[in-house]
Amino acid sequence: MFKRRDPIRKLARSFHYQHLYARARELHGIQIFENVSDLSKIQIEFLYWLALYNRLYQDLLMKEPFLTEETINNDFLCDCYLIWEDKVKRKKELERIKNPARDYSCDKKQIDRSSKIPSVVFKKR
């Protein structure tokens, strides 16, 4: 019933490649692969998982509901979480289409601005 763990996903989850991916996005001079163009199917799949796990780790830092380190590290739980997340987003979109007059500003996370300690705020894109 369960497939064995995908080595591409395991590599994409690793701290080394997550760090490299984040720096490559910021600095644009860092390359993950030797070839810049004509990426293979495996390279494209690896980049997909890098981006997905990068987003999941950012969501984990933002304390998204039901997302834990265990969920990210387990391929089956991660897939289940992604399916659940997609269903929740679709449900919210349908609700917004059906009720356009409702004020959705309360759905956004509140940021504590009273603290004088400097911090980093992660935002979803």
PDB file of N, CA and C in Angstrom:
ATOM      1  N   MET A   1       0.823  -1.190   0.000  1.00  0.00           N
ATOM      2  CA  MET A   1       0.000   0.000   0.000  1.00  0.00           C
ATOM      3  C   MET A   1       0.867   1.254   0.000  1.00  0.00           C
ATOM      4  N   PHE A   2       1.919   1.279   0.817  1.00  0.00           N
ATOM      5  CA  PHE A   2       2.773   2.454   0.881  1.00  0.00           C
ATOM      6  C   PHE A   2       3.975   2.260  -0.030  1.00  0.00           C
ATOM      7  N   LYS A   3       4.295   3.303  -0.782  1.00  0.00           N
ATOM      8  CA  LYS A   3       5.483   3.262  -1.614  1.00  0.00           C
ATOM      9  C   LYS A   3       6.700   3.516  -0.722  1.00  0.00           C
ATOM     10  N   ARG A   4       7.853   3.083  -1.180  1.00  0.00           N
ATOM     11  CA  ARG A   4       9.041   3.404  -0.406  1.00  0.00           C
ATOM     12  C   ARG A   4       9.350   4.882  -0.587  1.00  0.00           C
ATOM     13  N   ARG A   5      10.124   5.415   0.295  1.00  0.00           N
ATOM     14  CA  ARG A   5      10.409   6.849   0.284  1.00  0.00           C
ATOM     15  C   ARG A   5      11.108   7.261  -1.002  1.00  0.00           C
ATOM     16  N   ASP A   6      10.692   8.372  -1.519  1.00  0.00           N
ATOM     17  CA  ASP A   6      11.241   8.910  -2.765  1.00  0.00           C
ATOM     18  C   ASP A   6      12.551   9.635  -2.452  1.00  0.00           C
ATOM     19  N   PRO A   7      13.673   9.216  -3.057  1.00  0.00           N
ATOM     20  CA  PRO A   7      14.952   9.869  -2.750  1.00  0.00           C
ATOM     21  C   PRO A   7      14.998  11.334  -3.191  1.00  0.00           C
ATOM     22  N   ILE A   8      14.254  11.693  -4.221  1.00  0.00           N
ATOM     23  CA  ILE A   8      14.231  13.090  -4.672  1.00  0.00           C
ATOM     24  C   ILE A   8      13.573  13.967  -3.604  1.00  0.00           C
ATOM     25  N   ARG A   9      12.483  13.474  -3.027  1.00  0.00           N
ATOM     26  CA  ARG A   9      11.815  14.229  -1.965  1.00  0.00           C
ATOM     27  C   ARG A   9      12.703  14.330  -0.728  1.00  0.00           C
ATOM     28  N   LYS A  10      13.415  13.250  -0.421  1.00  0.00           N
ATOM     29  CA  LYS A  10      14.308  13.260   0.742  1.00  0.00           C
ATOM     30  C   LYS A  10      15.414  14.304   0.553  1.00  0.00           C
ATOM     31  N   LEU A  11      15.991  14.367  -0.633  1.00  0.00           N
ATOM     32  CA  LEU A  11      17.016  15.377  -0.923  1.00  0.00           C
ATOM     33  C   LEU A  11      16.429  16.786  -0.861  1.00  0.00           C
ATOM     34  N   ALA A  12      15.242  16.975  -1.428  1.00  0.00           N
ATOM     35  CA  ALA A  12      14.612  18.305  -1.449  1.00  0.00           C
ATOM     36  C   ALA A  12      14.262  18.778  -0.041  1.00  0.00           C
ATOM     37  N   ARG A  13      13.989  17.853   0.869  1.00  0.00           N
ATOM     38  CA  ARG A  13      13.671  18.183   2.263  1.00  0.00           C
ATOM     39  C   ARG A  13      14.906  18.536   3.073  1.00  0.00           C
ATOM     40  N   SER A  14      16.060  18.084   2.627  1.00  0.00           N
ATOM     41  CA  SER A  14      17.281  18.227   3.426  1.00  0.00           C
ATOM     42  C   SER A  14      17.646  19.692   3.635  1.00  0.00           C
ATOM     43  N   PHE A  15      18.276  19.953   4.782  1.00  0.00           N
ATOM     44  CA  PHE A  15      18.680  21.317   5.133  1.00  0.00           C
ATOM     45  C   PHE A  15      19.636  21.880   4.088  1.00  0.00           C
ATOM     46  N   HIS A  16      20.566  21.068   3.611  1.00  0.00           N
ATOM     47  CA  HIS A  16      21.571  21.536   2.651  1.00  0.00           C
ATOM     48  C   HIS A  16      20.920  22.101   1.390  1.00  0.00           C
ATOM     49  N   TYR A  17      20.020  21.347   0.792  1.00  0.00           N
ATOM     50  CA  TYR A  17      19.406  21.808  -0.461  1.00  0.00           C
ATOM     51  C   TYR A  17      18.358  22.893  -0.211  1.00  0.00           C
ATOM     52  N   GLN A  18      17.696  22.880   0.931  1.00  0.00           N
ATOM     53  CA  GLN A  18      16.774  23.968   1.244  1.00  0.00           C
ATOM     54  C   GLN A  18      17.543  25.281   1.398  1.00  0.00           C
ATOM     55  N   HIS A  19      18.689  25.219   2.058  1.00  0.00           N
ATOM     56  CA  HIS A  19      19.523  26.402   2.232  1.00  0.00           C
ATOM     57  C   HIS A  19      20.055  26.890   0.880  1.00  0.00           C
ATOM     58  N   LEU A  20      20.531  25.958   0.066  1.00  0.00           N
ATOM     59  CA  LEU A  20      21.037  26.308  -1.259  1.00  0.00           C
ATOM     60  C   LEU A  20      19.943  26.923  -2.127  1.00  0.00           C
ATOM     61  N   TYR A  21      18.739  26.356  -2.060  1.00  0.00           N
ATOM     62  CA  TYR A  21      17.607  26.867  -2.833  1.00  0.00           C
ATOM     63  C   TYR A  21      17.247  28.293  -2.396  1.00  0.00           C
ATOM     64  N   ALA A  22      17.211  28.517  -1.078  1.00  0.00           N
ATOM     65  CA  ALA A  22      16.880  29.855  -0.566  1.00  0.00           C
ATOM     66  C   ALA A  22      17.927  30.880  -1.008  1.00  0.00           C
ATOM     67  N   ARG A  23      19.207  30.523  -0.932  1.00  0.00           N
ATOM     68  CA  ARG A  23      20.267  31.450  -1.362  1.00  0.00           C
ATOM     69  C   ARG A  23      20.206  31.685  -2.870  1.00  0.00           C
ATOM     70  N   ALA A  24      19.927  30.647  -3.644  1.00  0.00           N
ATOM     71  CA  ALA A  24      19.850  30.802  -5.100  1.00  0.00           C
ATOM     72  C   ALA A  24      18.706  31.736  -5.483  1.00  0.00           C
ATOM     73  N   ARG A  25      17.603  31.674  -4.742  1.00  0.00           N
ATOM     74  CA  ARG A  25      16.479  32.570  -5.035  1.00  0.00           C
ATOM     75  C   ARG A  25      16.820  34.011  -4.689  1.00  0.00           C
ATOM     76  N   GLU A  26      17.589  34.222  -3.626  1.00  0.00           N
ATOM     77  CA  GLU A  26      17.922  35.574  -3.188  1.00  0.00           C
ATOM     78  C   GLU A  26      19.048  36.195  -4.011  1.00  0.00           C
ATOM     79  N   LEU A  27      20.081  35.416  -4.287  1.00  0.00           N
ATOM     80  CA  LEU A  27      21.293  35.976  -4.874  1.00  0.00           C
ATOM     81  C   LEU A  27      21.383  35.831  -6.385  1.00  0.00           C
ATOM     82  N   HIS A  28      20.644  34.986  -6.987  1.00  0.00           N
ATOM     83  CA  HIS A  28      20.578  34.774  -8.445  1.00  0.00           C
ATOM     84  C   HIS A  28      21.907  34.357  -9.066  1.00  0.00           C
ATOM     85  N   GLY A  29      23.016  34.387  -8.340  1.00  0.00           N
ATOM     86  CA  GLY A  29      24.289  33.975  -8.907  1.00  0.00           C
ATOM     87  C   GLY A  29      24.627  32.533  -8.576  1.00  0.00           C
ATOM     88  N   ILE A  30      23.895  31.965  -7.666  1.00  0.00           N
ATOM     89  CA  ILE A  30      24.146  30.590  -7.247  1.00  0.00           C
ATOM     90  C   ILE A  30      23.326  29.657  -8.122  1.00  0.00           C
ATOM     91  N   GLN A  31      23.973  28.611  -8.611  1.00  0.00           N
ATOM     92  CA  GLN A  31      23.285  27.631  -9.436  1.00  0.00           C
ATOM     93  C   GLN A  31      23.186  26.314  -8.675  1.00  0.00           C
ATOM     94  N   ILE A  32      22.041  25.678  -8.776  1.00  0.00           N
ATOM     95  CA  ILE A  32      21.848  24.381  -8.140  1.00  0.00           C
ATOM     96  C   ILE A  32      22.413  23.280  -9.034  1.00  0.00           C
ATOM     97  N   PHE A  33      22.260  23.439 -10.346  1.00  0.00           N
ATOM     98  CA  PHE A  33      22.736  22.454 -11.314  1.00  0.00           C
ATOM     99  C   PHE A  33      23.829  23.067 -12.179  1.00  0.00           C
ATOM    100  N   GLU A  34      24.667  22.219 -12.735  1.00  0.00           N
ATOM    101  CA  GLU A  34      25.714  22.712 -13.636  1.00  0.00           C
ATOM    102  C   GLU A  34      25.111  23.281 -14.915  1.00  0.00           C
ATOM    103  N   ASN A  35      24.098  22.593 -15.452  1.00  0.00           N
ATOM    104  CA  ASN A  35      23.454  23.108 -16.672  1.00  0.00           C
ATOM    105  C   ASN A  35      22.385  24.131 -16.281  1.00  0.00           C
ATOM    106  N   VAL A  36      22.360  25.233 -17.020  1.00  0.00           N
ATOM    107  CA  VAL A  36      21.414  26.300 -16.735  1.00  0.00           C
ATOM    108  C   VAL A  36      20.123  26.107 -17.525  1.00  0.00           C
ATOM    109  N   SER A  37      20.232  25.519 -18.699  1.00  0.00           N
ATOM    110  CA  SER A  37      19.061  25.292 -19.535  1.00  0.00           C
ATOM    111  C   SER A  37      18.965  23.811 -19.868  1.00  0.00           C
ATOM    112  N   ASP A  38      17.912  23.452 -20.549  1.00  0.00           N
ATOM    113  CA  ASP A  38      17.659  22.059 -20.923  1.00  0.00           C
ATOM    114  C   ASP A  38      17.693  21.137 -19.709  1.00  0.00           C
ATOM    115  N   LEU A  39      16.894  21.484 -18.714  1.00  0.00           N
ATOM    116  CA  LEU A  39      16.850  20.665 -17.499  1.00  0.00           C
ATOM    117  C   LEU A  39      16.172  19.335 -17.787  1.00  0.00           C
ATOM    118  N   SER A  40      16.655  18.298 -17.150  1.00  0.00           N
ATOM    119  CA  SER A  40      16.063  16.979 -17.327  1.00  0.00           C
ATOM    120  C   SER A  40      14.774  16.886 -16.512  1.00  0.00           C
ATOM    121  N   LYS A  41      14.029  15.835 -16.753  1.00  0.00           N
ATOM    122  CA  LYS A  41      12.766  15.631 -16.031  1.00  0.00           C
ATOM    123  C   LYS A  41      13.023  15.485 -14.530  1.00  0.00           C
ATOM    124  N   ILE A  42      14.096  14.824 -14.166  1.00  0.00           N
ATOM    125  CA  ILE A  42      14.432  14.646 -12.744  1.00  0.00           C
ATOM    126  C   ILE A  42      14.805  15.979 -12.112  1.00  0.00           C
ATOM    127  N   GLN A  43      15.541  16.825 -12.831  1.00  0.00           N
ATOM    128  CA  GLN A  43      15.898  18.141 -12.301  1.00  0.00           C
ATOM    129  C   GLN A  43      14.661  19.010 -12.100  1.00  0.00           C
ATOM    130  N   ILE A  44      13.730  18.954 -13.031  1.00  0.00           N
ATOM    131  CA  ILE A  44      12.489  19.732 -12.908  1.00  0.00           C
ATOM    132  C   ILE A  44      11.673  19.232 -11.724  1.00  0.00           C
ATOM    133  N   GLU A  45      11.607  17.913 -11.572  1.00  0.00           N
ATOM    134  CA  GLU A  45      10.885  17.355 -10.423  1.00  0.00           C
ATOM    135  C   GLU A  45      11.558  17.749  -9.119  1.00  0.00           C
ATOM    136  N   PHE A  46      12.892  17.748  -9.077  1.00  0.00           N
ATOM    137  CA  PHE A  46      13.629  18.150  -7.880  1.00  0.00           C
ATOM    138  C   PHE A  46      13.349  19.611  -7.536  1.00  0.00           C
ATOM    139  N   LEU A  47      13.330  20.483  -8.545  1.00  0.00           N
ATOM    140  CA  LEU A  47      13.024  21.899  -8.302  1.00  0.00           C
ATOM    141  C   LEU A  47      11.601  22.079  -7.789  1.00  0.00           C
ATOM    142  N   TYR A  48      10.659  21.274  -8.301  1.00  0.00           N
ATOM    143  CA  TYR A  48       9.275  21.325  -7.815  1.00  0.00           C
ATOM    144  C   TYR A  48       9.226  21.001  -6.328  1.00  0.00           C
ATOM    145  N   TRP A  49       9.889  19.909  -5.925  1.00  0.00           N
ATOM    146  CA  TRP A  49       9.863  19.512  -4.517  1.00  0.00           C
ATOM    147  C   TRP A  49      10.626  20.496  -3.648  1.00  0.00           C
ATOM    148  N   LEU A  50      11.705  21.081  -4.162  1.00  0.00           N
ATOM    149  CA  LEU A  50      12.421  22.110  -3.401  1.00  0.00           C
ATOM    150  C   LEU A  50      11.496  23.284  -3.085  1.00  0.00           C
ATOM    151  N   ALA A  51      10.783  23.763  -4.094  1.00  0.00           N
ATOM    152  CA  ALA A  51       9.878  24.898  -3.900  1.00  0.00           C
ATOM    153  C   ALA A  51       8.745  24.534  -2.941  1.00  0.00           C
ATOM    154  N   LEU A  52       8.198  23.335  -3.093  1.00  0.00           N
ATOM    155  CA  LEU A  52       7.095  22.919  -2.235  1.00  0.00           C
ATOM    156  C   LEU A  52       7.541  22.803  -0.786  1.00  0.00           C
ATOM    157  N   TYR A  53       8.667  22.136  -0.537  1.00  0.00           N
ATOM    158  CA  TYR A  53       9.140  21.991   0.841  1.00  0.00           C
ATOM    159  C   TYR A  53       9.581  23.331   1.421  1.00  0.00           C
ATOM    160  N   ASN A  54      10.094  24.225   0.582  1.00  0.00           N
ATOM    161  CA  ASN A  54      10.429  25.570   1.057  1.00  0.00           C
ATOM    162  C   ASN A  54       9.177  26.271   1.579  1.00  0.00           C
ATOM    163  N   ARG A  55       8.086  26.154   0.834  1.00  0.00           N
ATOM    164  CA  ARG A  55       6.825  26.760   1.272  1.00  0.00           C
ATOM    165  C   ARG A  55       6.308  26.094   2.538  1.00  0.00           C
ATOM    166  N   LEU A  56       6.405  24.771   2.616  1.00  0.00           N
ATOM    167  CA  LEU A  56       5.930  24.067   3.809  1.00  0.00           C
ATOM    168  C   LEU A  56       6.736  24.453   5.045  1.00  0.00           C
ATOM    169  N   TYR A  57       8.049  24.591   4.905  1.00  0.00           N
ATOM    170  CA  TYR A  57       8.861  25.014   6.050  1.00  0.00           C
ATOM    171  C   TYR A  57       8.517  26.443   6.477  1.00  0.00           C
ATOM    172  N   GLN A  58       8.224  27.311   5.525  1.00  0.00           N
ATOM    173  CA  GLN A  58       7.788  28.667   5.880  1.00  0.00           C
ATOM    174  C   GLN A  58       6.431  28.621   6.582  1.00  0.00           C
ATOM    175  N   ASP A  59       5.523  27.782   6.101  1.00  0.00           N
ATOM    176  CA  ASP A  59       4.222  27.627   6.760  1.00  0.00           C
ATOM    177  C   ASP A  59       4.390  27.065   8.166  1.00  0.00           C
ATOM    178  N   LEU A  60       5.343  26.167   8.342  1.00  0.00           N
ATOM    179  CA  LEU A  60       5.613  25.600   9.664  1.00  0.00           C
ATOM    180  C   LEU A  60       6.076  26.697  10.624  1.00  0.00           C
ATOM    181  N   LEU A  61       6.923  27.599  10.139  1.00  0.00           N
ATOM    182  CA  LEU A  61       7.371  28.720  10.961  1.00  0.00           C
ATOM    183  C   LEU A  61       6.224  29.663  11.312  1.00  0.00           C
ATOM    184  N   MET A  62       5.242  29.747  10.426  1.00  0.00           N
ATOM    185  CA  MET A  62       4.082  30.611  10.678  1.00  0.00           C
ATOM    186  C   MET A  62       3.003  29.887  11.491  1.00  0.00           C
ATOM    187  N   LYS A  63       3.315  28.659  11.931  1.00  0.00           N
ATOM    188  CA  LYS A  63       2.421  27.860  12.771  1.00  0.00           C
ATOM    189  C   LYS A  63       1.074  27.593  12.116  1.00  0.00           C
ATOM    190  N   GLU A  64       1.128  27.123  10.873  1.00  0.00           N
ATOM    191  CA  GLU A  64      -0.093  26.728  10.181  1.00  0.00           C
ATOM    192  C   GLU A  64      -0.727  25.544  10.910  1.00  0.00           C
ATOM    193  N   PRO A  65      -2.066  25.489  10.952  1.00  0.00           N
ATOM    194  CA  PRO A  65      -2.717  24.388  11.676  1.00  0.00           C
ATOM    195  C   PRO A  65      -2.431  23.033  11.021  1.00  0.00           C
ATOM    196  N   PHE A  66      -2.240  22.033  11.861  1.00  0.00           N
ATOM    197  CA  PHE A  66      -2.046  20.632  11.468  1.00  0.00           C
ATOM    198  C   PHE A  66      -0.727  20.359  10.764  1.00  0.00           C
ATOM    199  N   LEU A  67       0.148  21.341  10.647  1.00  0.00           N
ATOM    200  CA  LEU A  67       1.436  21.128   9.989  1.00  0.00           C
ATOM    201  C   LEU A  67       2.514  20.991  11.055  1.00  0.00           C
ATOM    202  N   THR A  68       3.203  19.866  11.051  1.00  0.00           N
ATOM    203  CA  THR A  68       4.284  19.604  11.995  1.00  0.00           C
ATOM    204  C   THR A  68       5.508  19.137  11.231  1.00  0.00           C
ATOM    205  N   GLU A  69       6.622  19.074  11.937  1.00  0.00           N
ATOM    206  CA  GLU A  69       7.853  18.557  11.346  1.00  0.00           C
ATOM    207  C   GLU A  69       7.660  17.100  10.912  1.00  0.00           C
ATOM    208  N   GLU A  70       6.915  16.351  11.708  1.00  0.00           N
ATOM    209  CA  GLU A  70       6.633  14.950  11.373  1.00  0.00           C
ATOM    210  C   GLU A  70       5.841  14.851  10.068  1.00  0.00           C
ATOM    211  N   THR A  71       4.892  15.763   9.894  1.00  0.00           N
ATOM    212  CA  THR A  71       4.093  15.773   8.665  1.00  0.00           C
ATOM    213  C   THR A  71       4.978  16.021   7.444  1.00  0.00           C
ATOM    214  N   ILE A  72       5.906  16.939   7.563  1.00  0.00           N
ATOM    215  CA  ILE A  72       6.789  17.260   6.446  1.00  0.00           C
ATOM    216  C   ILE A  72       7.734  16.098   6.142  1.00  0.00           C
ATOM    217  N   ASN A  73       8.223  15.425   7.164  1.00  0.00           N
ATOM    218  CA  ASN A  73       9.194  14.350   6.966  1.00  0.00           C
ATOM    219  C   ASN A  73       8.586  13.037   6.492  1.00  0.00           C
ATOM    220  N   ASN A  74       7.284  12.881   6.614  1.00  0.00           N
ATOM    221  CA  ASN A  74       6.619  11.654   6.187  1.00  0.00           C
ATOM    222  C   ASN A  74       5.910  11.936   4.856  1.00  0.00           C
ATOM    223  N   ASP A  75       6.310  11.244   3.801  1.00  0.00           N
ATOM    224  CA  ASP A  75       5.759  11.507   2.470  1.00  0.00           C
ATOM    225  C   ASP A  75       4.238  11.331   2.431  1.00  0.00           C
ATOM    226  N   PHE A  76       3.748  10.275   3.057  1.00  0.00           N
ATOM    227  CA  PHE A  76       2.311  10.007   3.041  1.00  0.00           C
ATOM    228  C   PHE A  76       1.537  11.106   3.786  1.00  0.00           C
ATOM    229  N   LEU A  77       2.010  11.479   4.984  1.00  0.00           N
ATOM    230  CA  LEU A  77       1.335  12.537   5.742  1.00  0.00           C
ATOM    231  C   LEU A  77       1.421  13.881   5.014  1.00  0.00           C
ATOM    232  N   CYS A  78       2.536  14.121   4.372  1.00  0.00           N
ATOM    233  CA  CYS A  78       2.717  15.363   3.620  1.00  0.00           C
ATOM    234  C   CYS A  78       1.719  15.442   2.464  1.00  0.00           C
ATOM    235  N   ASP A  79       1.566  14.339   1.735  1.00  0.00           N
ATOM    236  CA  ASP A  79       0.595  14.305   0.638  1.00  0.00           C
ATOM    237  C   ASP A  79      -0.823  14.527   1.159  1.00  0.00           C
ATOM    238  N   CYS A  80      -1.150  13.889   2.296  1.00  0.00           N
ATOM    239  CA  CYS A  80      -2.475  14.081   2.895  1.00  0.00           C
ATOM    240  C   CYS A  80      -2.692  15.533   3.299  1.00  0.00           C
ATOM    241  N   TYR A  81      -1.667  16.148   3.890  1.00  0.00           N
ATOM    242  CA  TYR A  81      -1.775  17.546   4.288  1.00  0.00           C
ATOM    243  C   TYR A  81      -1.994  18.447   3.075  1.00  0.00           C
ATOM    244  N   LEU A  82      -1.281  18.200   1.996  1.00  0.00           N
ATOM    245  CA  LEU A  82      -1.418  19.020   0.787  1.00  0.00           C
ATOM    246  C   LEU A  82      -2.811  18.882   0.172  1.00  0.00           C
ATOM    247  N   ILE A  83      -3.358  17.679   0.200  1.00  0.00           N
ATOM    248  CA  ILE A  83      -4.719  17.473  -0.308  1.00  0.00           C
ATOM    249  C   ILE A  83      -5.718  18.206   0.570  1.00  0.00           C
ATOM    250  N   TRP A  84      -5.554  18.089   1.896  1.00  0.00           N
ATOM    251  CA  TRP A  84      -6.456  18.784   2.830  1.00  0.00           C
ATOM    252  C   TRP A  84      -6.355  20.297   2.631  1.00  0.00           C
ATOM    253  N   GLU A  85      -5.141  20.812   2.508  1.00  0.00           N
ATOM    254  CA  GLU A  85      -4.930  22.247   2.332  1.00  0.00           C
ATOM    255  C   GLU A  85      -5.612  22.741   1.052  1.00  0.00           C
ATOM    256  N   ASP A  86      -5.512  21.962  -0.015  1.00  0.00           N
ATOM    257  CA  ASP A  86      -6.150  22.329  -1.279  1.00  0.00           C
ATOM    258  C   ASP A  86      -7.672  22.371  -1.126  1.00  0.00           C
ATOM    259  N   LYS A  87      -8.235  21.398  -0.426  1.00  0.00           N
ATOM    260  CA  LYS A  87      -9.689  21.377  -0.220  1.00  0.00           C
ATOM    261  C   LYS A  87     -10.145  22.583   0.599  1.00  0.00           C
ATOM    262  N   VAL A  88      -9.391  22.944   1.615  1.00  0.00           N
ATOM    263  CA  VAL A  88      -9.744  24.105   2.438  1.00  0.00           C
ATOM    264  C   VAL A  88      -9.693  25.383   1.604  1.00  0.00           C
ATOM    265  N   LYS A  89      -8.664  25.525   0.782  1.00  0.00           N
ATOM    266  CA  LYS A  89      -8.551  26.717  -0.071  1.00  0.00           C
ATOM    267  C   LYS A  89      -9.693  26.803  -1.074  1.00  0.00           C
ATOM    268  N   ARG A  90     -10.050  25.666  -1.672  1.00  0.00           N
ATOM    269  CA  ARG A  90     -11.177  25.661  -2.623  1.00  0.00           C
ATOM    270  C   ARG A  90     -12.473  26.029  -1.927  1.00  0.00           C
ATOM    271  N   LYS A  91     -12.667  25.517  -0.714  1.00  0.00           N
ATOM    272  CA  LYS A  91     -13.883  25.818   0.039  1.00  0.00           C
ATOM    273  C   LYS A  91     -13.970  27.317   0.349  1.00  0.00           C
ATOM    274  N   LYS A  92     -12.845  27.920   0.738  1.00  0.00           N
ATOM    275  CA  LYS A  92     -12.825  29.357   1.014  1.00  0.00           C
ATOM    276  C   LYS A  92     -13.097  30.172  -0.248  1.00  0.00           C
ATOM    277  N   GLU A  93     -12.528  29.734  -1.373  1.00  0.00           N
ATOM    278  CA  GLU A  93     -12.766  30.444  -2.634  1.00  0.00           C
ATOM    279  C   GLU A  93     -14.238  30.385  -3.033  1.00  0.00           C
ATOM    280  N   LEU A  94     -14.853  29.219  -2.892  1.00  0.00           N
ATOM    281  CA  LEU A  94     -16.278  29.094  -3.200  1.00  0.00           C
ATOM    282  C   LEU A  94     -17.120  29.970  -2.284  1.00  0.00           C
ATOM    283  N   GLU A  95     -16.735  30.029  -1.017  1.00  0.00           N
ATOM    284  CA  GLU A  95     -17.470  30.871  -0.066  1.00  0.00           C
ATOM    285  C   GLU A  95     -17.341  32.344  -0.442  1.00  0.00           C
ATOM    286  N   ARG A  96     -16.164  32.752  -0.879  1.00  0.00           N
ATOM    287  CA  ARG A  96     -15.959  34.151  -1.285  1.00  0.00           C
ATOM    288  C   ARG A  96     -16.743  34.481  -2.551  1.00  0.00           C
ATOM    289  N   ILE A  97     -16.881  33.512  -3.429  1.00  0.00           N
ATOM    290  CA  ILE A  97     -17.663  33.732  -4.650  1.00  0.00           C
ATOM    291  C   ILE A  97     -19.140  33.832  -4.318  1.00  0.00           C
ATOM    292  N   LYS A  98     -19.602  32.970  -3.406  1.00  0.00           N
ATOM    293  CA  LYS A  98     -21.023  32.966  -3.040  1.00  0.00           C
ATOM    294  C   LYS A  98     -21.405  34.173  -2.196  1.00  0.00           C
ATOM    295  N   ASN A  99     -20.503  34.643  -1.322  1.00  0.00           N
ATOM    296  CA  ASN A  99     -20.784  35.760  -0.425  1.00  0.00           C
ATOM    297  C   ASN A  99     -19.759  36.877  -0.629  1.00  0.00           C
ATOM    298  N   PRO A 100     -19.844  37.615  -1.728  1.00  0.00           N
ATOM    299  CA  PRO A 100     -18.833  38.639  -1.981  1.00  0.00           C
ATOM    300  C   PRO A 100     -18.927  39.847  -1.035  1.00  0.00           C
ATOM    301  N   ALA A 101     -20.078  40.054  -0.393  1.00  0.00           N
ATOM    302  CA  ALA A 101     -20.261  41.221   0.468  1.00  0.00           C
ATOM    303  C   ALA A 101     -19.643  41.020   1.852  1.00  0.00           C
ATOM    304  N   ARG A 102     -19.313  39.797   2.242  1.00  0.00           N
ATOM    305  CA  ARG A 102     -18.775  39.529   3.574  1.00  0.00           C
ATOM    306  C   ARG A 102     -17.381  40.117   3.714  1.00  0.00           C
ATOM    307  N   ASP A 103     -17.083  40.615   4.916  1.00  0.00           N
ATOM    308  CA  ASP A 103     -15.764  41.174   5.213  1.00  0.00           C
ATOM    309  C   ASP A 103     -14.827  40.035   5.598  1.00  0.00           C
ATOM    310  N   TYR A 104     -13.795  39.804   4.798  1.00  0.00           N
ATOM    311  CA  TYR A 104     -12.860  38.714   5.045  1.00  0.00           C
ATOM    312  C   TYR A 104     -11.576  39.191   5.721  1.00  0.00           C
ATOM    313  N   SER A 105     -11.523  40.409   6.189  1.00  0.00           N
ATOM    314  CA  SER A 105     -10.301  40.932   6.787  1.00  0.00           C
ATOM    315  C   SER A 105      -9.945  40.211   8.082  1.00  0.00           C
ATOM    316  N   CYS A 106     -10.922  39.647   8.785  1.00  0.00           N
ATOM    317  CA  CYS A 106     -10.636  38.951  10.035  1.00  0.00           C
ATOM    318  C   CYS A 106      -9.981  37.594   9.792  1.00  0.00           C
ATOM    319  N   ASP A 107      -9.975  37.099   8.552  1.00  0.00           N
ATOM    320  CA  ASP A 107      -9.357  35.817   8.235  1.00  0.00           C
ATOM    321  C   ASP A 107      -7.831  35.900   8.236  1.00  0.00           C
ATOM    322  N   LYS A 108      -7.293  37.102   8.112  1.00  0.00           N
ATOM    323  CA  LYS A 108      -5.853  37.268   8.066  1.00  0.00           C
ATOM    324  C   LYS A 108      -5.274  37.143   9.474  1.00  0.00           C
ATOM    325  N   LYS A 109      -4.034  36.696   9.553  1.00  0.00           N
ATOM    326  CA  LYS A 109      -3.368  36.551  10.841  1.00  0.00           C
ATOM    327  C   LYS A 109      -3.037  37.929  11.406  1.00  0.00           C
ATOM    328  N   GLN A 110      -3.199  38.056  12.706  1.00  0.00           N
ATOM    329  CA  GLN A 110      -2.880  39.302  13.378  1.00  0.00           C
ATOM    330  C   GLN A 110      -1.391  39.308  13.734  1.00  0.00           C
ATOM    331  N   ILE A 111      -0.734  40.433  13.528  1.00  0.00           N
ATOM    332  CA  ILE A 111       0.679  40.567  13.836  1.00  0.00           C
ATOM    333  C   ILE A 111       0.817  41.446  15.072  1.00  0.00           C
ATOM    334  N   ASP A 112       1.606  40.961  16.027  1.00  0.00           N
ATOM    335  CA  ASP A 112       1.832  41.713  17.256  1.00  0.00           C
ATOM    336  C   ASP A 112       2.839  42.818  16.958  1.00  0.00           C
ATOM    337  N   ARG A 113       2.372  44.064  16.969  1.00  0.00           N
ATOM    338  CA  ARG A 113       3.254  45.190  16.688  1.00  0.00           C
ATOM    339  C   ARG A 113       3.688  45.917  17.965  1.00  0.00           C
ATOM    340  N   SER A 114       3.254  45.429  19.127  1.00  0.00           N
ATOM    341  CA  SER A 114       3.572  46.101  20.373  1.00  0.00           C
ATOM    342  C   SER A 114       4.967  45.762  20.892  1.00  0.00           C
ATOM    343  N   SER A 115       5.546  44.670  20.451  1.00  0.00           N
ATOM    344  CA  SER A 115       6.858  44.264  20.911  1.00  0.00           C
ATOM    345  C   SER A 115       7.926  45.164  20.310  1.00  0.00           C
ATOM    346  N   LYS A 116       8.903  45.527  21.118  1.00  0.00           N
ATOM    347  CA  LYS A 116       9.990  46.379  20.651  1.00  0.00           C
ATOM    348  C   LYS A 116      11.189  45.548  20.190  1.00  0.00           C
ATOM    349  N   ILE A 117      11.044  44.236  20.227  1.00  0.00           N
ATOM    350  CA  ILE A 117      12.120  43.351  19.782  1.00  0.00           C
ATOM    351  C   ILE A 117      12.040  43.206  18.267  1.00  0.00           C
ATOM    352  N   PRO A 118      13.136  43.497  17.553  1.00  0.00           N
ATOM    353  CA  PRO A 118      13.085  43.332  16.093  1.00  0.00           C
ATOM    354  C   PRO A 118      12.944  41.862  15.729  1.00  0.00           C
ATOM    355  N   SER A 119      12.189  41.601  14.713  1.00  0.00           N
ATOM    356  CA  SER A 119      11.983  40.214  14.299  1.00  0.00           C
ATOM    357  C   SER A 119      11.784  40.161  12.796  1.00  0.00           C
ATOM    358  N   VAL A 120      11.757  38.952  12.284  1.00  0.00           N
ATOM    359  CA  VAL A 120      11.525  38.711  10.868  1.00  0.00           C
ATOM    360  C   VAL A 120      10.106  38.212  10.715  1.00  0.00           C
ATOM    361  N   VAL A 121       9.359  38.797   9.780  1.00  0.00           N
ATOM    362  CA  VAL A 121       8.001  38.378   9.520  1.00  0.00           C
ATOM    363  C   VAL A 121       7.992  37.633   8.198  1.00  0.00           C
ATOM    364  N   PHE A 122       7.550  36.377   8.222  1.00  0.00           N
ATOM    365  CA  PHE A 122       7.459  35.582   7.014  1.00  0.00           C
ATOM    366  C   PHE A 122       6.077  35.787   6.422  1.00  0.00           C
ATOM    367  N   LYS A 123       6.021  36.007   5.133  1.00  0.00           N
ATOM    368  CA  LYS A 123       4.750  36.211   4.453  1.00  0.00           C
ATOM    369  C   LYS A 123       4.583  35.156   3.384  1.00  0.00           C
ATOM    370  N   LYS A 124       3.337  34.737   3.192  1.00  0.00           N
ATOM    371  CA  LYS A 124       3.040  33.817   2.093  1.00  0.00           C
ATOM    372  C   LYS A 124       2.965  34.606   0.810  1.00  0.00           C
ATOM    373  N   ARG A 125       3.358  33.975  -0.268  1.00  0.00           N
ATOM    374  CA  ARG A 125       3.258  34.643  -1.572  1.00  0.00           C
ATOM    375  C   ARG A 125       2.081  34.133  -2.298  1.00  0.00           C
TER     376      ARG A 125
END
